[in-house]
């Protein structure tokens, strides 16, 4: 199972590195426009599945603002639904993929330290800050939280807080910036 997942990751990252221009907000929006009849559903599915490939959500959120410029609240709702469902899948898949056993075998001391930090009362702020900070992939903290078995409710609430702030900024200000740059 982990081999298949790693193969998908390597293929996606390889394609991303070989064709970075394919992942611009404009190209993603153009691709999604092909599915006019079910465009919201396709947008949601992309938002959910994006997380398991470790590709950033930023271009997809910005593509949503370009596709639906008059519906920022709908873009925020669909984007957040996708991010939260994706984060949930990653949280639980980390266990199914055996990452917890791998980290426990590889470096048990580090595994216990990370778990202690995530379960600490400030663990919520750590995850929320990580989810908000645009230069680090939120998906990584989802894997860490899953492998350390951080309290799920605390984890998903923290991801929600960090991501809703970041996505709101992208949707309400980023779309205007992208349109201005065009």
Protein backbone atom coordinates (compact mmCIF):
# COMPACT_ATOMS: atom_id res chain seq x y z
CA UNK A 1 0.00 0.00 0.00
CA UNK A 2 2.75 2.44 0.93
CA UNK A 3 4.59 1.59 -2.31
CA UNK A 4 1.56 2.54 -4.41
CA UNK A 5 1.09 5.77 -2.48
CA UNK A 6 4.78 6.66 -2.87
CA UNK A 7 4.61 5.90 -6.61
CA UNK A 8 1.64 8.28 -6.99
CA UNK A 9 3.49 10.96 -5.01
CA UNK A 10 6.66 10.56 -7.07
CA UNK A 11 4.69 10.72 -10.33
CA UNK A 12 2.72 13.80 -9.26
CA UNK A 13 5.74 15.63 -7.91
CA UNK A 14 7.76 14.64 -10.98
CA UNK A 15 5.06 15.96 -13.29
CA UNK A 16 4.81 19.11 -11.20
CA UNK A 17 8.58 19.68 -11.38
CA UNK A 18 8.72 18.94 -15.11
CA UNK A 19 5.67 21.10 -15.92
CA UNK A 20 5.26 23.77 -13.22
CA UNK A 21 3.32 26.00 -15.60
CA UNK A 22 0.57 23.35 -15.75
CA UNK A 23 -0.23 24.08 -12.10
CA UNK A 24 -0.87 27.80 -12.32
CA UNK A 25 -4.24 29.08 -11.17
CA UNK A 26 -5.08 30.02 -14.77
CA UNK A 27 -4.33 26.54 -16.16
CA UNK A 28 -6.21 24.82 -13.37
CA UNK A 29 -9.20 27.10 -13.96
CA UNK A 30 -9.07 26.38 -17.72
CA UNK A 31 -8.99 22.64 -17.02
CA UNK A 32 -11.92 22.81 -14.60
CA UNK A 33 -13.99 24.87 -17.07
CA UNK A 34 -14.18 21.77 -19.28
CA UNK A 35 -16.61 20.28 -16.76
CA UNK A 36 -19.28 23.00 -16.94
CA UNK A 37 -22.19 20.72 -16.01
CA UNK A 38 -20.60 19.43 -12.83
CA UNK A 39 -17.94 22.06 -12.25
CA UNK A 40 -18.63 22.51 -8.51
CA UNK A 41 -18.49 18.75 -7.95
CA UNK A 42 -15.25 18.47 -9.96
CA UNK A 43 -13.80 21.41 -8.00
CA UNK A 44 -14.70 19.69 -4.72
CA UNK A 45 -13.24 16.34 -5.82
CA UNK A 46 -10.00 18.05 -6.89
CA UNK A 47 -9.90 19.86 -3.54
CA UNK A 48 -10.25 16.58 -1.68
CA UNK A 49 -7.85 14.45 -3.73
CA UNK A 50 -5.21 17.17 -4.00
CA UNK A 51 -4.11 16.51 -0.43
CA UNK A 52 -3.05 12.92 -0.89
CA UNK A 53 -0.64 14.02 -3.63
CA UNK A 54 0.94 16.67 -1.37
CA UNK A 55 0.31 19.34 -4.01
CA UNK A 56 -0.47 22.78 -2.54
CA UNK A 57 -4.05 23.98 -2.32
CA UNK A 58 -3.16 27.60 -3.17
CA UNK A 59 -3.37 27.29 -6.99
CA UNK A 60 -6.67 25.42 -6.69
CA UNK A 61 -8.17 28.04 -4.35
CA UNK A 62 -7.01 30.84 -6.66
CA UNK A 63 -8.45 28.92 -9.64
CA UNK A 64 -11.77 28.87 -7.79
CA UNK A 65 -11.68 32.62 -7.41
CA UNK A 66 -11.07 32.95 -11.15
CA UNK A 67 -13.82 30.49 -12.10
CA UNK A 68 -16.40 31.94 -9.74
CA UNK A 69 -15.46 35.60 -9.24
CA UNK A 70 -18.92 36.57 -8.04
CA UNK A 71 -19.23 33.70 -5.54
CA UNK A 72 -16.39 34.07 -3.02
CA UNK A 73 -18.38 32.54 -0.15
CA UNK A 74 -19.17 29.46 -2.24
CA UNK A 75 -15.50 29.13 -3.21
CA UNK A 76 -14.52 29.41 0.45
CA UNK A 77 -17.12 26.80 1.48
CA UNK A 78 -16.13 24.29 -1.19
CA UNK A 79 -12.40 24.90 -0.67
CA UNK A 80 -12.68 24.45 3.10
CA UNK A 81 -14.83 21.33 2.69
CA UNK A 82 -12.20 19.88 0.37
CA UNK A 83 -9.32 20.84 2.67
CA UNK A 84 -10.99 19.44 5.78
CA UNK A 85 -11.98 16.18 4.06
CA UNK A 86 -8.52 15.88 2.56
CA UNK A 87 -6.91 16.55 5.95
CA UNK A 88 -9.13 13.91 7.52
CA UNK A 89 -8.15 11.35 4.87
CA UNK A 90 -4.46 12.14 5.35
CA UNK A 91 -4.80 11.92 9.13
CA UNK A 92 -6.30 8.43 8.90
CA UNK A 93 -4.27 7.24 5.88
CA UNK A 94 -1.03 7.94 7.71
CA UNK A 95 -1.96 5.11 10.06
CA UNK A 96 -3.13 2.81 7.25
CA UNK A 97 0.08 3.43 5.32
CA UNK A 98 2.13 2.43 8.35
CA UNK A 99 3.84 5.76 8.95
CA UNK A 100 3.26 5.49 12.69
CA UNK A 101 5.13 2.16 12.86
CA UNK A 102 7.84 3.47 10.55
CA UNK A 103 8.50 6.57 12.68
CA UNK A 104 8.30 4.53 15.88
CA UNK A 105 10.92 2.08 14.57
CA UNK A 106 13.12 4.70 12.91
CA UNK A 107 13.29 7.26 15.71
CA UNK A 108 11.10 6.50 18.73
CA UNK A 109 12.44 9.43 20.76
CA UNK A 110 11.56 11.95 18.05
CA UNK A 111 8.18 10.30 17.57
CA UNK A 112 7.39 10.69 21.27
CA UNK A 113 8.62 14.32 21.32
CA UNK A 114 6.41 15.26 18.37
CA UNK A 115 3.43 13.52 19.92
CA UNK A 116 4.02 15.38 23.18
CA UNK A 117 4.13 18.72 21.32
CA UNK A 118 0.99 17.98 19.34
CA UNK A 119 -0.91 16.81 22.42
CA UNK A 120 0.34 19.73 24.51
CA UNK A 121 -2.22 22.51 25.02
CA UNK A 122 -0.20 24.61 22.56
CA UNK A 123 -0.43 21.79 19.99
CA UNK A 124 -3.60 23.40 18.67
CA UNK A 125 -1.72 26.64 18.02
CA UNK A 126 1.17 24.74 16.42
CA UNK A 127 -1.15 23.01 13.93
CA UNK A 128 -3.22 26.16 13.28
CA UNK A 129 -0.06 28.18 12.68
CA UNK A 130 1.33 25.50 10.37
CA UNK A 131 -1.96 25.41 8.43
CA UNK A 132 -1.97 29.20 8.14
CA UNK A 133 1.69 29.58 7.08
CA UNK A 134 1.66 29.46 3.26
CA UNK A 135 5.27 28.30 2.76
CA UNK A 136 4.88 24.88 4.39
CA UNK A 137 2.44 22.21 3.18
CA UNK A 138 -0.44 21.68 5.58
CA UNK A 139 -0.58 18.06 4.43
CA UNK A 140 2.66 17.32 6.28
CA UNK A 141 1.23 18.36 9.64
CA UNK A 142 -1.78 16.16 8.83
CA UNK A 143 0.52 13.16 8.45
CA UNK A 144 2.36 14.06 11.64
CA UNK A 145 -0.88 14.45 13.58
CA UNK A 146 -2.13 11.13 12.22
CA UNK A 147 1.05 9.24 12.99
CA UNK A 148 1.26 10.66 16.51
CA UNK A 149 -2.49 10.14 17.02
CA UNK A 150 -3.14 13.73 18.03
CA UNK A 151 -6.69 14.19 19.24
CA UNK A 152 -8.67 14.33 15.99
CA UNK A 153 -11.17 17.00 17.07
CA UNK A 154 -8.36 19.29 18.21
CA UNK A 155 -6.39 18.58 15.03
CA UNK A 156 -9.23 19.21 12.56
CA UNK A 157 -10.35 22.35 14.41
CA UNK A 158 -6.79 23.71 14.28
CA UNK A 159 -6.48 22.95 10.56
CA UNK A 160 -9.86 24.61 10.02
CA UNK A 161 -8.85 27.79 11.87
CA UNK A 162 -5.51 28.14 10.08
CA UNK A 163 -6.87 27.31 6.64
CA UNK A 164 -10.00 29.45 6.82
CA UNK A 165 -7.86 32.49 7.54
CA UNK A 166 -5.42 31.68 4.74
CA UNK A 167 -8.11 30.73 2.21
CA UNK A 168 -10.15 33.82 3.05
CA UNK A 169 -7.12 35.95 2.34
CA UNK A 170 -6.55 34.14 -0.98
CA UNK A 171 -10.19 34.33 -2.02
CA UNK A 172 -11.04 37.86 -0.96
CA UNK A 173 -7.68 39.48 -1.72
CA UNK A 174 -5.76 37.02 -3.89
CA UNK A 175 -8.39 36.90 -6.61
CA UNK A 176 -8.33 40.68 -6.89
CA UNK A 177 -4.54 40.57 -7.06
CA UNK A 178 -4.56 37.88 -9.81
CA UNK A 179 -7.16 39.85 -11.78
CA UNK A 180 -5.12 43.02 -11.36
CA UNK A 181 -1.99 41.24 -12.66
CA UNK A 182 -3.83 40.03 -15.80
